[in-house]
Amino acid sequence: MRILARQRGPKFLPELRHCLRDGGPGKVAKEAFWQMLRMGEAAMPTVDEMLASENWTERKAALCLLRRWGKLTPAQQARGKADPHVAVRHAADWPAEAHEWAKVHPKWQKRLGGAGE
């Protein structure tokens, strides 16, 4: 998957999205997430579509990608918190302290898309 994502670039996004939607095997779904994360701006249109998907795994991945890129808007976060699936709500609902943690810890900086506000 890594090789194909590197070779095809944004043309490989539909396949990555398919891997995220299926959710299994877990190793493949996780790698699809990381490849989309590396694509950055090129993956934004696909992530916007995923945010409105019927499939909860796509909605959760979209929220996590937006958060890691630092582009999760308050409206998108509120929509995620109101989602019917618990995993999507959890992906959108980060503790207020997490922004403080992101100021000092690299792990949280990555998860929250920078040094936090």
PDB file of N, CA and C in Angstrom:
ATOM      1  N   MET A   1       0.819  -1.185   0.000  1.00  0.00           N
ATOM      2  CA  MET A   1       0.000   0.000   0.000  1.00  0.00           C
ATOM      3  C   MET A   1       0.868   1.256   0.000  1.00  0.00           C
ATOM      4  N   ARG A   2       1.946   1.225   0.774  1.00  0.00           N
ATOM      5  CA  ARG A   2       2.843   2.386   0.816  1.00  0.00           C
ATOM      6  C   ARG A   2       3.424   2.691  -0.562  1.00  0.00           C
ATOM      7  N   ILE A   3       3.837   1.650  -1.245  1.00  0.00           N
ATOM      8  CA  ILE A   3       4.451   1.824  -2.556  1.00  0.00           C
ATOM      9  C   ILE A   3       3.427   2.380  -3.544  1.00  0.00           C
ATOM     10  N   LEU A   4       2.231   1.814  -3.532  1.00  0.00           N
ATOM     11  CA  LEU A   4       1.196   2.285  -4.446  1.00  0.00           C
ATOM     12  C   LEU A   4       0.800   3.723  -4.148  1.00  0.00           C
ATOM     13  N   ALA A   5       0.699   4.070  -2.872  1.00  0.00           N
ATOM     14  CA  ALA A   5       0.348   5.448  -2.500  1.00  0.00           C
ATOM     15  C   ALA A   5       1.446   6.415  -2.946  1.00  0.00           C
ATOM     16  N   ARG A   6       2.682   6.004  -2.827  1.00  0.00           N
ATOM     17  CA  ARG A   6       3.794   6.849  -3.253  1.00  0.00           C
ATOM     18  C   ARG A   6       3.809   7.013  -4.777  1.00  0.00           C
ATOM     19  N   GLN A   7       3.537   5.917  -5.490  1.00  0.00           N
ATOM     20  CA  GLN A   7       3.569   5.967  -6.952  1.00  0.00           C
ATOM     21  C   GLN A   7       2.386   6.732  -7.535  1.00  0.00           C
ATOM     22  N   ARG A   8       1.198   6.459  -7.040  1.00  0.00           N
ATOM     23  CA  ARG A   8      -0.013   7.039  -7.633  1.00  0.00           C
ATOM     24  C   ARG A   8      -0.418   8.366  -7.020  1.00  0.00           C
ATOM     25  N   GLY A   9       0.007   8.619  -5.797  1.00  0.00           N
ATOM     26  CA  GLY A   9      -0.338   9.872  -5.125  1.00  0.00           C
ATOM     27  C   GLY A   9      -1.840  10.012  -4.924  1.00  0.00           C
ATOM     28  N   PRO A  10      -2.397  11.188  -5.199  1.00  0.00           N
ATOM     29  CA  PRO A  10      -3.831  11.433  -4.971  1.00  0.00           C
ATOM     30  C   PRO A  10      -4.767  10.534  -5.782  1.00  0.00           C
ATOM     31  N   LYS A  11      -4.270   9.932  -6.857  1.00  0.00           N
ATOM     32  CA  LYS A  11      -5.105   9.013  -7.638  1.00  0.00           C
ATOM     33  C   LYS A  11      -5.441   7.759  -6.842  1.00  0.00           C
ATOM     34  N   PHE A  12      -4.676   7.504  -5.802  1.00  0.00           N
ATOM     35  CA  PHE A  12      -4.875   6.303  -4.977  1.00  0.00           C
ATOM     36  C   PHE A  12      -5.863   6.545  -3.828  1.00  0.00           C
ATOM     37  N   LEU A  13      -6.353   7.771  -3.682  1.00  0.00           N
ATOM     38  CA  LEU A  13      -7.257   8.102  -2.574  1.00  0.00           C
ATOM     39  C   LEU A  13      -8.536   7.264  -2.530  1.00  0.00           C
ATOM     40  N   PRO A  14      -9.191   6.963  -3.657  1.00  0.00           N
ATOM     41  CA  PRO A  14     -10.394   6.118  -3.561  1.00  0.00           C
ATOM     42  C   PRO A  14     -10.122   4.753  -2.933  1.00  0.00           C
ATOM     43  N   GLU A  15      -8.970   4.163  -3.254  1.00  0.00           N
ATOM     44  CA  GLU A  15      -8.629   2.865  -2.667  1.00  0.00           C
ATOM     45  C   GLU A  15      -8.350   3.004  -1.169  1.00  0.00           C
ATOM     46  N   LEU A  16      -7.665   4.085  -0.794  1.00  0.00           N
ATOM     47  CA  LEU A  16      -7.404   4.306   0.628  1.00  0.00           C
ATOM     48  C   LEU A  16      -8.719   4.494   1.386  1.00  0.00           C
ATOM     49  N   ARG A  17      -9.625   5.247   0.789  1.00  0.00           N
ATOM     50  CA  ARG A  17     -10.928   5.466   1.412  1.00  0.00           C
ATOM     51  C   ARG A  17     -11.681   4.148   1.562  1.00  0.00           C
ATOM     52  N   HIS A  18     -11.588   3.301   0.555  1.00  0.00           N
ATOM     53  CA  HIS A  18     -12.235   1.991   0.613  1.00  0.00           C
ATOM     54  C   HIS A  18     -11.672   1.162   1.772  1.00  0.00           C
ATOM     55  N   CYS A  19     -10.356   1.217   1.956  1.00  0.00           N
ATOM     56  CA  CYS A  19      -9.726   0.485   3.066  1.00  0.00           C
ATOM     57  C   CYS A  19     -10.225   0.999   4.418  1.00  0.00           C
ATOM     58  N   LEU A  20     -10.372   2.314   4.537  1.00  0.00           N
ATOM     59  CA  LEU A  20     -10.878   2.893   5.788  1.00  0.00           C
ATOM     60  C   LEU A  20     -12.331   2.515   6.023  1.00  0.00           C
ATOM     61  N   ARG A  21     -13.119   2.482   4.970  1.00  0.00           N
ATOM     62  CA  ARG A  21     -14.534   2.159   5.100  1.00  0.00           C
ATOM     63  C   ARG A  21     -14.722   0.729   5.574  1.00  0.00           C
ATOM     64  N   ASP A  22     -13.928  -0.196   5.020  1.00  0.00           N
ATOM     65  CA  ASP A  22     -14.056  -1.600   5.401  1.00  0.00           C
ATOM     66  C   ASP A  22     -13.554  -1.850   6.816  1.00  0.00           C
ATOM     67  N   GLY A  23     -12.539  -1.118   7.219  1.00  0.00           N
ATOM     68  CA  GLY A  23     -12.035  -1.229   8.581  1.00  0.00           C
ATOM     69  C   GLY A  23     -11.223  -2.462   8.873  1.00  0.00           C
ATOM     70  N   GLY A  24     -11.058  -3.350   7.949  1.00  0.00           N
ATOM     71  CA  GLY A  24     -10.315  -4.552   8.242  1.00  0.00           C
ATOM     72  C   GLY A  24      -9.617  -5.075   7.008  1.00  0.00           C
ATOM     73  N   PRO A  25      -8.542  -5.752   7.145  1.00  0.00           N
ATOM     74  CA  PRO A  25      -7.836  -5.956   8.402  1.00  0.00           C
ATOM     75  C   PRO A  25      -7.306  -4.646   8.978  1.00  0.00           C
ATOM     76  N   GLY A  26      -7.196  -4.611  10.267  1.00  0.00           N
ATOM     77  CA  GLY A  26      -6.819  -3.390  10.973  1.00  0.00           C
ATOM     78  C   GLY A  26      -5.506  -2.782  10.502  1.00  0.00           C
ATOM     79  N   LYS A  27      -4.551  -3.638  10.189  1.00  0.00           N
ATOM     80  CA  LYS A  27      -3.246  -3.164   9.734  1.00  0.00           C
ATOM     81  C   LYS A  27      -3.377  -2.362   8.437  1.00  0.00           C
ATOM     82  N   VAL A  28      -4.241  -2.812   7.559  1.00  0.00           N
ATOM     83  CA  VAL A  28      -4.448  -2.133   6.273  1.00  0.00           C
ATOM     84  C   VAL A  28      -5.168  -0.805   6.489  1.00  0.00           C
ATOM     85  N   ALA A  29      -6.189  -0.807   7.340  1.00  0.00           N
ATOM     86  CA  ALA A  29      -6.944   0.425   7.611  1.00  0.00           C
ATOM     87  C   ALA A  29      -6.049   1.483   8.258  1.00  0.00           C
ATOM     88  N   LYS A  30      -5.200   1.067   9.189  1.00  0.00           N
ATOM     89  CA  LYS A  30      -4.290   2.016   9.836  1.00  0.00           C
ATOM     90  C   LYS A  30      -3.305   2.610   8.837  1.00  0.00           C
ATOM     91  N   GLU A  31      -2.786   1.784   7.972  1.00  0.00           N
ATOM     92  CA  GLU A  31      -1.836   2.282   6.971  1.00  0.00           C
ATOM     93  C   GLU A  31      -2.532   3.225   5.991  1.00  0.00           C
ATOM     94  N   ALA A  32      -3.787   2.935   5.656  1.00  0.00           N
ATOM     95  CA  ALA A  32      -4.541   3.830   4.776  1.00  0.00           C
ATOM     96  C   ALA A  32      -4.690   5.199   5.437  1.00  0.00           C
ATOM     97  N   PHE A  33      -4.960   5.217   6.738  1.00  0.00           N
ATOM     98  CA  PHE A  33      -5.061   6.477   7.475  1.00  0.00           C
ATOM     99  C   PHE A  33      -3.751   7.255   7.400  1.00  0.00           C
ATOM    100  N   TRP A  34      -2.630   6.576   7.653  1.00  0.00           N
ATOM    101  CA  TRP A  34      -1.331   7.259   7.658  1.00  0.00           C
ATOM    102  C   TRP A  34      -0.967   7.776   6.273  1.00  0.00           C
ATOM    103  N   GLN A  35      -1.326   7.025   5.231  1.00  0.00           N
ATOM    104  CA  GLN A  35      -1.032   7.491   3.873  1.00  0.00           C
ATOM    105  C   GLN A  35      -1.865   8.720   3.535  1.00  0.00           C
ATOM    106  N   MET A  36      -3.120   8.741   3.957  1.00  0.00           N
ATOM    107  CA  MET A  36      -3.955   9.926   3.725  1.00  0.00           C
ATOM    108  C   MET A  36      -3.395  11.119   4.504  1.00  0.00           C
ATOM    109  N   LEU A  37      -2.938  10.878   5.713  1.00  0.00           N
ATOM    110  CA  LEU A  37      -2.359  11.944   6.520  1.00  0.00           C
ATOM    111  C   LEU A  37      -1.147  12.554   5.819  1.00  0.00           C
ATOM    112  N   ARG A  38      -0.312  11.718   5.224  1.00  0.00           N
ATOM    113  CA  ARG A  38       0.878  12.200   4.528  1.00  0.00           C
ATOM    114  C   ARG A  38       0.533  12.995   3.263  1.00  0.00           C
ATOM    115  N   MET A  39      -0.592  12.701   2.650  1.00  0.00           N
ATOM    116  CA  MET A  39      -0.973  13.406   1.417  1.00  0.00           C
ATOM    117  C   MET A  39      -1.412  14.842   1.676  1.00  0.00           C
ATOM    118  N   GLY A  40      -1.861  15.135   2.874  1.00  0.00           N
ATOM    119  CA  GLY A  40      -2.198  16.499   3.246  1.00  0.00           C
ATOM    120  C   GLY A  40      -3.277  17.139   2.397  1.00  0.00           C
ATOM    121  N   GLU A  41      -2.957  18.297   1.817  1.00  0.00           N
ATOM    122  CA  GLU A  41      -3.924  19.088   1.040  1.00  0.00           C
ATOM    123  C   GLU A  41      -4.545  18.307  -0.108  1.00  0.00           C
ATOM    124  N   ALA A  42      -3.804  17.398  -0.701  1.00  0.00           N
ATOM    125  CA  ALA A  42      -4.322  16.624  -1.819  1.00  0.00           C
ATOM    126  C   ALA A  42      -5.501  15.740  -1.395  1.00  0.00           C
ATOM    127  N   ALA A  43      -5.535  15.372  -0.115  1.00  0.00           N
ATOM    128  CA  ALA A  43      -6.597  14.501   0.390  1.00  0.00           C
ATOM    129  C   ALA A  43      -7.804  15.265   0.924  1.00  0.00           C
ATOM    130  N   MET A  44      -7.721  16.588   0.996  1.00  0.00           N
ATOM    131  CA  MET A  44      -8.810  17.380   1.590  1.00  0.00           C
ATOM    132  C   MET A  44     -10.177  17.154   0.936  1.00  0.00           C
ATOM    133  N   PRO A  45     -10.310  17.148  -0.400  1.00  0.00           N
ATOM    134  CA  PRO A  45     -11.636  16.909  -0.979  1.00  0.00           C
ATOM    135  C   PRO A  45     -12.225  15.551  -0.579  1.00  0.00           C
ATOM    136  N   THR A  46     -11.361  14.541  -0.527  1.00  0.00           N
ATOM    137  CA  THR A  46     -11.816  13.210  -0.124  1.00  0.00           C
ATOM    138  C   THR A  46     -12.235  13.205   1.338  1.00  0.00           C
ATOM    139  N   VAL A  47     -11.486  13.888   2.190  1.00  0.00           N
ATOM    140  CA  VAL A  47     -11.810  13.956   3.615  1.00  0.00           C
ATOM    141  C   VAL A  47     -13.139  14.685   3.825  1.00  0.00           C
ATOM    142  N   ASP A  48     -13.394  15.723   3.054  1.00  0.00           N
ATOM    143  CA  ASP A  48     -14.687  16.417   3.151  1.00  0.00           C
ATOM    144  C   ASP A  48     -15.842  15.490   2.794  1.00  0.00           C
ATOM    145  N   GLU A  49     -15.652  14.648   1.773  1.00  0.00           N
ATOM    146  CA  GLU A  49     -16.674  13.667   1.413  1.00  0.00           C
ATOM    147  C   GLU A  49     -16.844  12.634   2.522  1.00  0.00           C
ATOM    148  N   MET A  50     -15.734  12.217   3.112  1.00  0.00           N
ATOM    149  CA  MET A  50     -15.784  11.219   4.177  1.00  0.00           C
ATOM    150  C   MET A  50     -16.532  11.747   5.398  1.00  0.00           C
ATOM    151  N   LEU A  51     -16.434  13.031   5.655  1.00  0.00           N
ATOM    152  CA  LEU A  51     -17.095  13.637   6.805  1.00  0.00           C
ATOM    153  C   LEU A  51     -18.614  13.522   6.702  1.00  0.00           C
ATOM    154  N   ALA A  52     -19.131  13.477   5.472  1.00  0.00           N
ATOM    155  CA  ALA A  52     -20.572  13.368   5.247  1.00  0.00           C
ATOM    156  C   ALA A  52     -21.000  11.939   4.909  1.00  0.00           C
ATOM    157  N   SER A  53     -20.117  10.980   5.098  1.00  0.00           N
ATOM    158  CA  SER A  53     -20.383   9.595   4.731  1.00  0.00           C
ATOM    159  C   SER A  53     -21.433   8.937   5.637  1.00  0.00           C
ATOM    160  N   GLU A  54     -22.058   7.903   5.120  1.00  0.00           N
ATOM    161  CA  GLU A  54     -22.981   7.083   5.912  1.00  0.00           C
ATOM    162  C   GLU A  54     -22.204   6.145   6.838  1.00  0.00           C
ATOM    163  N   ASN A  55     -20.959   5.867   6.499  1.00  0.00           N
ATOM    164  CA  ASN A  55     -20.154   4.912   7.230  1.00  0.00           C
ATOM    165  C   ASN A  55     -19.423   5.597   8.380  1.00  0.00           C
ATOM    166  N   TRP A  56     -19.575   5.083   9.587  1.00  0.00           N
ATOM    167  CA  TRP A  56     -18.987   5.733  10.762  1.00  0.00           C
ATOM    168  C   TRP A  56     -17.468   5.694  10.748  1.00  0.00           C
ATOM    169  N   THR A  57     -16.867   4.646  10.165  1.00  0.00           N
ATOM    170  CA  THR A  57     -15.405   4.573  10.151  1.00  0.00           C
ATOM    171  C   THR A  57     -14.810   5.693   9.302  1.00  0.00           C
ATOM    172  N   GLU A  58     -15.499   6.043   8.221  1.00  0.00           N
ATOM    173  CA  GLU A  58     -15.029   7.153   7.395  1.00  0.00           C
ATOM    174  C   GLU A  58     -15.183   8.484   8.122  1.00  0.00           C
ATOM    175  N   ARG A  59     -16.305   8.660   8.812  1.00  0.00           N
ATOM    176  CA  ARG A  59     -16.507   9.920   9.551  1.00  0.00           C
ATOM    177  C   ARG A  59     -15.466  10.078  10.643  1.00  0.00           C
ATOM    178  N   LYS A  60     -15.182   8.986  11.347  1.00  0.00           N
ATOM    179  CA  LYS A  60     -14.179   9.043  12.414  1.00  0.00           C
ATOM    180  C   LYS A  60     -12.799   9.364  11.848  1.00  0.00           C
ATOM    181  N   ALA A  61     -12.408   8.694  10.771  1.00  0.00           N
ATOM    182  CA  ALA A  61     -11.108   8.948  10.160  1.00  0.00           C
ATOM    183  C   ALA A  61     -11.007  10.388   9.670  1.00  0.00           C
ATOM    184  N   ALA A  62     -12.092  10.908   9.095  1.00  0.00           N
ATOM    185  CA  ALA A  62     -12.085  12.289   8.604  1.00  0.00           C
ATOM    186  C   ALA A  62     -11.862  13.269   9.753  1.00  0.00           C
ATOM    187  N   LEU A  63     -12.548  13.062  10.870  1.00  0.00           N
ATOM    188  CA  LEU A  63     -12.359  13.942  12.028  1.00  0.00           C
ATOM    189  C   LEU A  63     -10.917  13.880  12.546  1.00  0.00           C
ATOM    190  N   CYS A  64     -10.378  12.678  12.620  1.00  0.00           N
ATOM    191  CA  CYS A  64      -9.011  12.513  13.117  1.00  0.00           C
ATOM    192  C   CYS A  64      -7.993  13.154  12.171  1.00  0.00           C
ATOM    193  N   LEU A  65      -8.206  13.001  10.865  1.00  0.00           N
ATOM    194  CA  LEU A  65      -7.296  13.625   9.899  1.00  0.00           C
ATOM    195  C   LEU A  65      -7.357  15.145  10.007  1.00  0.00           C
ATOM    196  N   LEU A  66      -8.552  15.695  10.050  1.00  0.00           N
ATOM    197  CA  LEU A  66      -8.696  17.147  10.160  1.00  0.00           C
ATOM    198  C   LEU A  66      -8.060  17.670  11.447  1.00  0.00           C
ATOM    199  N   ARG A  67      -8.256  16.941  12.534  1.00  0.00           N
ATOM    200  CA  ARG A  67      -7.675  17.363  13.809  1.00  0.00           C
ATOM    201  C   ARG A  67      -6.154  17.340  13.749  1.00  0.00           C
ATOM    202  N   ARG A  68      -5.585  16.292  13.167  1.00  0.00           N
ATOM    203  CA  ARG A  68      -4.124  16.194  13.080  1.00  0.00           C
ATOM    204  C   ARG A  68      -3.531  17.233  12.147  1.00  0.00           C
ATOM    205  N   TRP A  69      -4.281  17.632  11.127  1.00  0.00           N
ATOM    206  CA  TRP A  69      -3.812  18.689  10.232  1.00  0.00           C
ATOM    207  C   TRP A  69      -4.036  20.065  10.839  1.00  0.00           C
ATOM    208  N   GLY A  70      -4.781  20.147  11.930  1.00  0.00           N
ATOM    209  CA  GLY A  70      -5.078  21.435  12.553  1.00  0.00           C
ATOM    210  C   GLY A  70      -6.157  22.201  11.807  1.00  0.00           C
ATOM    211  N   LYS A  71      -7.024  21.493  11.086  1.00  0.00           N
ATOM    212  CA  LYS A  71      -8.048  22.136  10.272  1.00  0.00           C
ATOM    213  C   LYS A  71      -9.465  21.783  10.705  1.00  0.00           C
ATOM    214  N   LEU A  72      -9.608  21.194  11.871  1.00  0.00           N
ATOM    215  CA  LEU A  72     -10.932  20.839  12.375  1.00  0.00           C
ATOM    216  C   LEU A  72     -11.610  22.099  12.894  1.00  0.00           C
ATOM    217  N   THR A  73     -12.690  22.489  12.245  1.00  0.00           N
ATOM    218  CA  THR A  73     -13.401  23.704  12.638  1.00  0.00           C
ATOM    219  C   THR A  73     -14.322  23.398  13.819  1.00  0.00           C
ATOM    220  N   PRO A  74     -14.709  24.412  14.580  1.00  0.00           N
ATOM    221  CA  PRO A  74     -15.658  24.189  15.679  1.00  0.00           C
ATOM    222  C   PRO A  74     -16.983  23.593  15.193  1.00  0.00           C
ATOM    223  N   ALA A  75     -17.429  23.979  13.999  1.00  0.00           N
ATOM    224  CA  ALA A  75     -18.681  23.428  13.464  1.00  0.00           C
ATOM    225  C   ALA A  75     -18.531  21.937  13.163  1.00  0.00           C
ATOM    226  N   GLN A  76     -17.402  21.536  12.594  1.00  0.00           N
ATOM    227  CA  GLN A  76     -17.157  20.123  12.318  1.00  0.00           C
ATOM    228  C   GLN A  76     -17.030  19.329  13.614  1.00  0.00           C
ATOM    229  N   GLN A  77     -16.394  19.934  14.606  1.00  0.00           N
ATOM    230  CA  GLN A  77     -16.242  19.267  15.894  1.00  0.00           C
ATOM    231  C   GLN A  77     -17.602  19.090  16.565  1.00  0.00           C
ATOM    232  N   ALA A  78     -18.443  20.112  16.499  1.00  0.00           N
ATOM    233  CA  ALA A  78     -19.781  20.021  17.092  1.00  0.00           C
ATOM    234  C   ALA A  78     -20.607  18.955  16.386  1.00  0.00           C
ATOM    235  N   ARG A  79     -20.466  18.892  15.063  1.00  0.00           N
ATOM    236  CA  ARG A  79     -21.186  17.865  14.296  1.00  0.00           C
ATOM    237  C   ARG A  79     -20.710  16.473  14.700  1.00  0.00           C
ATOM    238  N   GLY A  80     -19.399  16.323  14.916  1.00  0.00           N
ATOM    239  CA  GLY A  80     -18.855  15.044  15.354  1.00  0.00           C
ATOM    240  C   GLY A  80     -19.328  14.656  16.750  1.00  0.00           C
ATOM    241  N   LYS A  81     -19.424  15.638  17.634  1.00  0.00           N
ATOM    242  CA  LYS A  81     -19.893  15.359  19.000  1.00  0.00           C
ATOM    243  C   LYS A  81     -21.350  14.937  19.025  1.00  0.00           C
ATOM    244  N   ALA A  82     -22.119  15.331  18.005  1.00  0.00           N
ATOM    245  CA  ALA A  82     -23.534  14.977  17.930  1.00  0.00           C
ATOM    246  C   ALA A  82     -23.775  13.727  17.073  1.00  0.00           C
ATOM    247  N   ASP A  83     -22.724  13.078  16.625  1.00  0.00           N
ATOM    248  CA  ASP A  83     -22.849  11.910  15.749  1.00  0.00           C
ATOM    249  C   ASP A  83     -23.525  10.754  16.487  1.00  0.00           C
ATOM    250  N   PRO A  84     -24.295   9.929  15.769  1.00  0.00           N
ATOM    251  CA  PRO A  84     -24.951   8.795  16.433  1.00  0.00           C
ATOM    252  C   PRO A  84     -23.995   7.684  16.881  1.00  0.00           C
ATOM    253  N   HIS A  85     -22.802   7.610  16.303  1.00  0.00           N
ATOM    254  CA  HIS A  85     -21.884   6.536  16.681  1.00  0.00           C
ATOM    255  C   HIS A  85     -20.902   7.016  17.750  1.00  0.00           C
ATOM    256  N   VAL A  86     -20.707   6.201  18.760  1.00  0.00           N
ATOM    257  CA  VAL A  86     -19.881   6.566  19.903  1.00  0.00           C
ATOM    258  C   VAL A  86     -18.416   6.806  19.522  1.00  0.00           C
ATOM    259  N   ALA A  87     -17.880   6.033  18.589  1.00  0.00           N
ATOM    260  CA  ALA A  87     -16.479   6.197  18.206  1.00  0.00           C
ATOM    261  C   ALA A  87     -16.242   7.554  17.523  1.00  0.00           C
ATOM    262  N   VAL A  88     -17.218   8.007  16.746  1.00  0.00           N
ATOM    263  CA  VAL A  88     -17.100   9.305  16.080  1.00  0.00           C
ATOM    264  C   VAL A  88     -17.200  10.417  17.123  1.00  0.00           C
ATOM    265  N   ARG A  89     -18.112  10.253  18.068  1.00  0.00           N
ATOM    266  CA  ARG A  89     -18.234  11.260  19.141  1.00  0.00           C
ATOM    267  C   ARG A  89     -16.947  11.339  19.940  1.00  0.00           C
ATOM    268  N   HIS A  90     -16.341  10.203  20.212  1.00  0.00           N
ATOM    269  CA  HIS A  90     -15.090  10.184  20.973  1.00  0.00           C
ATOM    270  C   HIS A  90     -13.959  10.860  20.185  1.00  0.00           C
ATOM    271  N   ALA A  91     -13.910  10.647  18.869  1.00  0.00           N
ATOM    272  CA  ALA A  91     -12.869  11.268  18.042  1.00  0.00           C
ATOM    273  C   ALA A  91     -13.011  12.786  18.020  1.00  0.00           C
ATOM    274  N   ALA A  92     -14.226  13.275  18.174  1.00  0.00           N
ATOM    275  CA  ALA A  92     -14.464  14.724  18.130  1.00  0.00           C
ATOM    276  C   ALA A  92     -14.341  15.382  19.497  1.00  0.00           C
ATOM    277  N   ASP A  93     -14.452  14.607  20.545  1.00  0.00           N
ATOM    278  CA  ASP A  93     -14.505  15.165  21.895  1.00  0.00           C
ATOM    279  C   ASP A  93     -13.185  14.961  22.621  1.00  0.00           C
ATOM    280  N   TRP A  94     -12.324  15.970  22.543  1.00  0.00           N
ATOM    281  CA  TRP A  94     -11.047  15.914  23.235  1.00  0.00           C
ATOM    282  C   TRP A  94     -11.122  16.772  24.483  1.00  0.00           C
ATOM    283  N   PRO A  95     -10.481  16.339  25.556  1.00  0.00           N
ATOM    284  CA  PRO A  95     -10.536  17.133  26.785  1.00  0.00           C
ATOM    285  C   PRO A  95      -9.905  18.512  26.593  1.00  0.00           C
ATOM    286  N   ALA A  96     -10.398  19.483  27.306  1.00  0.00           N
ATOM    287  CA  ALA A  96      -9.873  20.845  27.207  1.00  0.00           C
ATOM    288  C   ALA A  96      -8.386  20.879  27.584  1.00  0.00           C
ATOM    289  N   GLU A  97      -7.979  20.005  28.486  1.00  0.00           N
ATOM    290  CA  GLU A  97      -6.577  19.967  28.920  1.00  0.00           C
ATOM    291  C   GLU A  97      -5.646  19.519  27.806  1.00  0.00           C
ATOM    292  N   ALA A  98      -6.182  18.837  26.786  1.00  0.00           N
ATOM    293  CA  ALA A  98      -5.339  18.312  25.715  1.00  0.00           C
ATOM    294  C   ALA A  98      -4.596  19.440  25.002  1.00  0.00           C
ATOM    295  N   HIS A  99      -5.201  20.610  24.897  1.00  0.00           N
ATOM    296  CA  HIS A  99      -4.515  21.736  24.256  1.00  0.00           C
ATOM    297  C   HIS A  99      -3.340  22.213  25.106  1.00  0.00           C
ATOM    298  N   GLU A 100      -3.466  22.104  26.419  1.00  0.00           N
ATOM    299  CA  GLU A 100      -2.345  22.430  27.300  1.00  0.00           C
ATOM    300  C   GLU A 100      -1.248  21.380  27.174  1.00  0.00           C
ATOM    301  N   TRP A 101      -1.665  20.112  27.080  1.00  0.00           N
ATOM    302  CA  TRP A 101      -0.687  19.037  26.927  1.00  0.00           C
ATOM    303  C   TRP A 101       0.086  19.211  25.626  1.00  0.00           C
ATOM    304  N   ALA A 102      -0.607  19.649  24.561  1.00  0.00           N
ATOM    305  CA  ALA A 102       0.026  19.804  23.250  1.00  0.00           C
ATOM    306  C   ALA A 102       1.117  20.859  23.261  1.00  0.00           C
ATOM    307  N   LYS A 103       1.061  21.775  24.206  1.00  0.00           N
ATOM    308  CA  LYS A 103       2.088  22.813  24.272  1.00  0.00           C
ATOM    309  C   LYS A 103       3.424  22.264  24.740  1.00  0.00           C
ATOM    310  N   VAL A 104       3.395  21.125  25.443  1.00  0.00           N
ATOM    311  CA  VAL A 104       4.639  20.609  26.017  1.00  0.00           C
ATOM    312  C   VAL A 104       5.001  19.185  25.588  1.00  0.00           C
ATOM    313  N   HIS A 105       4.071  18.460  24.984  1.00  0.00           N
ATOM    314  CA  HIS A 105       4.354  17.064  24.681  1.00  0.00           C
ATOM    315  C   HIS A 105       4.178  16.773  23.194  1.00  0.00           C
ATOM    316  N   PRO A 106       5.196  16.227  22.523  1.00  0.00           N
ATOM    317  CA  PRO A 106       5.136  15.985  21.076  1.00  0.00           C
ATOM    318  C   PRO A 106       3.990  15.074  20.645  1.00  0.00           C
ATOM    319  N   LYS A 107       3.658  14.070  21.472  1.00  0.00           N
ATOM    320  CA  LYS A 107       2.568  13.160  21.108  1.00  0.00           C
ATOM    321  C   LYS A 107       1.265  13.924  20.945  1.00  0.00           C
ATOM    322  N   TRP A 108       0.983  14.823  21.864  1.00  0.00           N
ATOM    323  CA  TRP A 108      -0.262  15.584  21.798  1.00  0.00           C
ATOM    324  C   TRP A 108      -0.199  16.659  20.730  1.00  0.00           C
ATOM    325  N   GLN A 109       0.992  17.167  20.428  1.00  0.00           N
ATOM    326  CA  GLN A 109       1.133  18.128  19.345  1.00  0.00           C
ATOM    327  C   GLN A 109       0.706  17.481  18.031  1.00  0.00           C
ATOM    328  N   LYS A 110       1.105  16.239  17.817  1.00  0.00           N
ATOM    329  CA  LYS A 110       0.728  15.516  16.593  1.00  0.00           C
ATOM    330  C   LYS A 110      -0.777  15.256  16.567  1.00  0.00           C
ATOM    331  N   ARG A 111      -1.326  14.854  17.685  1.00  0.00           N
ATOM    332  CA  ARG A 111      -2.746  14.512  17.724  1.00  0.00           C
ATOM    333  C   ARG A 111      -3.655  15.713  17.553  1.00  0.00           C
ATOM    334  N   LEU A 112      -3.175  16.877  17.953  1.00  0.00           N
ATOM    335  CA  LEU A 112      -4.009  18.070  17.884  1.00  0.00           C
ATOM    336  C   LEU A 112      -3.565  19.051  16.815  1.00  0.00           C
ATOM    337  N   GLY A 113      -2.683  18.633  15.958  1.00  0.00           N
ATOM    338  CA  GLY A 113      -2.302  19.459  14.821  1.00  0.00           C
ATOM    339  C   GLY A 113      -1.497  20.681  15.172  1.00  0.00           C
ATOM    340  N   GLY A 114      -0.473  20.528  15.944  1.00  0.00           N
ATOM    341  CA  GLY A 114       0.403  21.655  16.278  1.00  0.00           C
ATOM    342  C   GLY A 114       0.495  21.870  17.774  1.00  0.00           C
ATOM    343  N   ALA A 115       0.874  23.042  18.156  1.00  0.00           N
ATOM    344  CA  ALA A 115       1.126  23.336  19.572  1.00  0.00           C
ATOM    345  C   ALA A 115      -0.143  23.619  20.351  1.00  0.00           C
ATOM    346  N   GLY A 116      -1.276  23.604  19.717  1.00  0.00           N
ATOM    347  CA  GLY A 116      -2.521  23.880  20.433  1.00  0.00           C
ATOM    348  C   GLY A 116      -2.699  25.364  20.676  1.00  0.00           C
ATOM    349  N   GLU A 117      -3.909  25.746  20.964  1.00  0.00           N
ATOM    350  CA  GLU A 117      -4.195  27.157  21.223  1.00  0.00           C
ATOM    351  C   GLU A 117      -4.353  27.414  22.690  1.00  0.00           C
TER     352      GLU A 117
END
